[in-house]
Amino acid sequence: MNNKHKFLLNKEIYIKPPIGVTPKEIWKWYRAKELSEAIRRYSDKYMKIPIAWVEEYNELVKSYEHNHEEANNG
């Protein structure tokens, strides 16, 4: 660490950290929402819904339900 940074830290000036990543549970929620909306759009147009979308959506919902139950029983 160079002297400039030591000086800043000694003066207790806040140094903003770099942006990290979206937490996994938030990412999963957004992904489930995106899949739900895509499934609805396809359904509204009477189009075949890719099975992979339905399976992924169901897995995300199952994961959410499992985590929600653990939090409530924890």
N, C-alpha and C. Protein backbone atom coordinates (compact mmCIF):
# COMPACT_ATOMS: atom_id res chain seq x y z
N MET A 1 0.85 -1.17 0.00
CA MET A 1 0.00 0.00 0.00
C MET A 1 0.89 1.23 0.00
N ASN A 2 0.60 2.18 -0.85
CA ASN A 2 1.45 3.37 -0.90
C ASN A 2 1.05 4.38 0.17
N ASN A 3 1.89 5.41 0.36
CA ASN A 3 1.64 6.39 1.42
C ASN A 3 0.34 7.14 1.25
N LYS A 4 -0.06 7.40 0.03
CA LYS A 4 -1.30 8.12 -0.22
C LYS A 4 -2.49 7.37 0.39
N HIS A 5 -2.56 6.06 0.16
CA HIS A 5 -3.65 5.27 0.71
C HIS A 5 -3.57 5.18 2.23
N LYS A 6 -2.37 5.06 2.77
CA LYS A 6 -2.23 5.04 4.23
C LYS A 6 -2.74 6.34 4.83
N PHE A 7 -2.40 7.44 4.20
CA PHE A 7 -2.85 8.74 4.68
C PHE A 7 -4.38 8.81 4.66
N LEU A 8 -4.97 8.34 3.55
CA LEU A 8 -6.43 8.37 3.45
C LEU A 8 -7.07 7.50 4.52
N LEU A 9 -6.51 6.33 4.76
CA LEU A 9 -7.07 5.44 5.77
C LEU A 9 -6.88 6.01 7.17
N ASN A 10 -5.74 6.64 7.43
CA ASN A 10 -5.51 7.24 8.74
C ASN A 10 -6.45 8.40 9.02
N LYS A 11 -6.88 9.09 8.00
CA LYS A 11 -7.81 10.21 8.14
C LYS A 11 -9.26 9.73 8.17
N GLU A 12 -9.46 8.41 8.08
CA GLU A 12 -10.78 7.78 8.11
C GLU A 12 -11.69 8.27 6.99
N ILE A 13 -11.13 8.45 5.82
CA ILE A 13 -11.92 8.78 4.65
C ILE A 13 -12.40 7.48 4.04
N TYR A 14 -13.68 7.40 3.80
CA TYR A 14 -14.27 6.19 3.26
C TYR A 14 -13.81 5.97 1.82
N ILE A 15 -13.30 4.78 1.56
CA ILE A 15 -12.91 4.40 0.21
C ILE A 15 -13.93 3.38 -0.27
N LYS A 16 -14.71 3.77 -1.28
CA LYS A 16 -15.78 2.92 -1.80
C LYS A 16 -15.18 1.68 -2.48
N PRO A 17 -15.66 0.49 -2.09
CA PRO A 17 -15.14 -0.73 -2.74
C PRO A 17 -15.70 -0.86 -4.15
N PRO A 18 -15.08 -1.69 -4.96
CA PRO A 18 -15.60 -1.91 -6.31
C PRO A 18 -16.93 -2.66 -6.25
N ILE A 19 -17.71 -2.56 -7.32
CA ILE A 19 -18.98 -3.27 -7.39
C ILE A 19 -18.71 -4.76 -7.46
N GLY A 20 -19.47 -5.52 -6.68
CA GLY A 20 -19.33 -6.97 -6.65
C GLY A 20 -20.32 -7.62 -7.60
N VAL A 21 -20.95 -8.70 -7.16
CA VAL A 21 -21.93 -9.42 -7.98
C VAL A 21 -23.28 -9.43 -7.28
N THR A 22 -24.31 -9.66 -8.06
CA THR A 22 -25.65 -9.79 -7.51
C THR A 22 -25.71 -11.06 -6.67
N PRO A 23 -26.26 -10.99 -5.46
CA PRO A 23 -26.39 -12.21 -4.65
C PRO A 23 -27.18 -13.28 -5.39
N LYS A 24 -26.80 -14.53 -5.19
CA LYS A 24 -27.38 -15.65 -5.92
C LYS A 24 -28.90 -15.72 -5.77
N GLU A 25 -29.42 -15.53 -4.56
CA GLU A 25 -30.87 -15.62 -4.36
C GLU A 25 -31.62 -14.53 -5.11
N ILE A 26 -31.04 -13.35 -5.21
CA ILE A 26 -31.69 -12.28 -5.97
C ILE A 26 -31.64 -12.61 -7.45
N TRP A 27 -30.49 -13.10 -7.92
CA TRP A 27 -30.37 -13.49 -9.32
C TRP A 27 -31.37 -14.57 -9.66
N LYS A 28 -31.55 -15.55 -8.77
CA LYS A 28 -32.49 -16.63 -9.02
C LYS A 28 -33.92 -16.10 -9.09
N TRP A 29 -34.25 -15.14 -8.23
CA TRP A 29 -35.59 -14.57 -8.25
C TRP A 29 -35.85 -13.86 -9.57
N TYR A 30 -34.88 -13.06 -10.02
CA TYR A 30 -35.03 -12.36 -11.30
C TYR A 30 -35.13 -13.35 -12.46
N ARG A 31 -34.36 -14.41 -12.41
CA ARG A 31 -34.40 -15.42 -13.47
C ARG A 31 -35.77 -16.10 -13.50
N ALA A 32 -36.32 -16.43 -12.34
CA ALA A 32 -37.64 -17.05 -12.28
C ALA A 32 -38.70 -16.09 -12.84
N LYS A 33 -38.58 -14.83 -12.50
CA LYS A 33 -39.52 -13.82 -13.00
C LYS A 33 -39.41 -13.72 -14.53
N GLU A 34 -38.19 -13.69 -15.05
CA GLU A 34 -37.97 -13.61 -16.49
C GLU A 34 -38.56 -14.83 -17.20
N LEU A 35 -38.34 -16.02 -16.64
CA LEU A 35 -38.90 -17.23 -17.23
C LEU A 35 -40.42 -17.20 -17.20
N SER A 36 -41.00 -16.78 -16.09
CA SER A 36 -42.45 -16.69 -15.95
C SER A 36 -43.05 -15.77 -17.01
N GLU A 37 -42.41 -14.63 -17.20
CA GLU A 37 -42.90 -13.67 -18.19
C GLU A 37 -42.78 -14.22 -19.61
N ALA A 38 -41.68 -14.90 -19.91
CA ALA A 38 -41.49 -15.48 -21.24
C ALA A 38 -42.52 -16.59 -21.49
N ILE A 39 -42.76 -17.41 -20.48
CA ILE A 39 -43.75 -18.48 -20.60
C ILE A 39 -45.14 -17.88 -20.86
N ARG A 40 -45.47 -16.82 -20.16
CA ARG A 40 -46.76 -16.16 -20.35
C ARG A 40 -46.88 -15.58 -21.77
N ARG A 41 -45.81 -14.93 -22.24
CA ARG A 41 -45.84 -14.36 -23.59
C ARG A 41 -46.07 -15.45 -24.64
N TYR A 42 -45.38 -16.57 -24.50
CA TYR A 42 -45.56 -17.67 -25.45
C TYR A 42 -46.97 -18.24 -25.34
N SER A 43 -47.45 -18.39 -24.13
CA SER A 43 -48.80 -18.91 -23.91
C SER A 43 -49.85 -17.99 -24.52
N ASP A 44 -49.68 -16.70 -24.34
CA ASP A 44 -50.62 -15.71 -24.90
C ASP A 44 -50.71 -15.82 -26.42
N LYS A 45 -49.64 -16.24 -27.06
CA LYS A 45 -49.60 -16.36 -28.53
C LYS A 45 -49.85 -17.80 -28.99
N TYR A 46 -50.25 -18.67 -28.04
CA TYR A 46 -50.52 -20.08 -28.32
C TYR A 46 -49.32 -20.75 -28.98
N MET A 47 -48.14 -20.41 -28.50
CA MET A 47 -46.91 -21.01 -29.01
C MET A 47 -46.43 -22.09 -28.05
N LYS A 48 -45.73 -23.07 -28.59
CA LYS A 48 -45.17 -24.15 -27.78
C LYS A 48 -44.12 -23.56 -26.84
N ILE A 49 -44.22 -23.89 -25.56
CA ILE A 49 -43.29 -23.39 -24.55
C ILE A 49 -42.15 -24.41 -24.41
N PRO A 50 -40.91 -23.97 -24.55
CA PRO A 50 -39.79 -24.90 -24.40
C PRO A 50 -39.80 -25.57 -23.02
N ILE A 51 -39.71 -26.88 -23.02
CA ILE A 51 -39.72 -27.66 -21.78
C ILE A 51 -38.60 -27.20 -20.85
N ALA A 52 -37.45 -26.84 -21.40
CA ALA A 52 -36.32 -26.40 -20.58
C ALA A 52 -36.70 -25.19 -19.73
N TRP A 53 -37.51 -24.29 -20.27
CA TRP A 53 -37.95 -23.11 -19.50
C TRP A 53 -38.81 -23.54 -18.31
N VAL A 54 -39.75 -24.44 -18.58
CA VAL A 54 -40.66 -24.90 -17.53
C VAL A 54 -39.88 -25.64 -16.44
N GLU A 55 -38.96 -26.50 -16.85
CA GLU A 55 -38.16 -27.26 -15.88
C GLU A 55 -37.30 -26.33 -15.04
N GLU A 56 -36.65 -25.36 -15.69
CA GLU A 56 -35.80 -24.42 -14.95
C GLU A 56 -36.65 -23.59 -13.99
N TYR A 57 -37.80 -23.12 -14.45
CA TYR A 57 -38.69 -22.33 -13.60
C TYR A 57 -39.11 -23.15 -12.38
N ASN A 58 -39.52 -24.40 -12.61
CA ASN A 58 -39.95 -25.26 -11.50
C ASN A 58 -38.82 -25.50 -10.51
N GLU A 59 -37.60 -25.68 -11.00
CA GLU A 59 -36.46 -25.87 -10.10
C GLU A 59 -36.19 -24.61 -9.26
N LEU A 60 -36.30 -23.46 -9.88
CA LEU A 60 -36.08 -22.21 -9.15
C LEU A 60 -37.15 -22.01 -8.08
N VAL A 61 -38.40 -22.32 -8.42
CA VAL A 61 -39.50 -22.19 -7.46
C VAL A 61 -39.31 -23.19 -6.31
N LYS A 62 -38.92 -24.39 -6.66
CA LYS A 62 -38.67 -25.42 -5.63
C LYS A 62 -37.55 -24.97 -4.70
N SER A 63 -36.49 -24.41 -5.25
CA SER A 63 -35.38 -23.90 -4.46
C SER A 63 -35.84 -22.77 -3.54
N TYR A 64 -36.66 -21.87 -4.09
CA TYR A 64 -37.18 -20.75 -3.30
C TYR A 64 -38.05 -21.27 -2.15
N GLU A 65 -38.94 -22.21 -2.45
CA GLU A 65 -39.82 -22.77 -1.41
C GLU A 65 -39.00 -23.44 -0.32
N HIS A 66 -37.97 -24.19 -0.71
CA HIS A 66 -37.11 -24.88 0.26
C HIS A 66 -36.40 -23.87 1.17
N ASN A 67 -35.83 -22.81 0.57
CA ASN A 67 -35.12 -21.81 1.36
C ASN A 67 -36.09 -21.02 2.24
N HIS A 68 -37.30 -20.77 1.75
CA HIS A 68 -38.30 -20.03 2.50
C HIS A 68 -38.76 -20.86 3.71
N GLU A 69 -38.94 -22.16 3.52
CA GLU A 69 -39.33 -23.03 4.63
C GLU A 69 -38.24 -23.10 5.69
N GLU A 70 -36.98 -23.20 5.27
CA GLU A 70 -35.85 -23.23 6.22
C GLU A 70 -35.78 -21.94 7.03
N ALA A 71 -36.02 -20.82 6.38
CA ALA A 71 -35.96 -19.53 7.08
C ALA A 71 -37.07 -19.42 8.10
N ASN A 72 -38.24 -19.96 7.78
CA ASN A 72 -39.37 -19.87 8.71
C ASN A 72 -39.27 -20.87 9.85
N ASN A 73 -38.59 -21.99 9.61
CA ASN A 73 -38.46 -23.02 10.65
C ASN A 73 -37.16 -22.90 11.43
N GLY A 74 -36.25 -22.05 10.93
CA GLY A 74 -34.90 -21.93 11.43
C GLY A 74 -34.70 -21.55 12.80
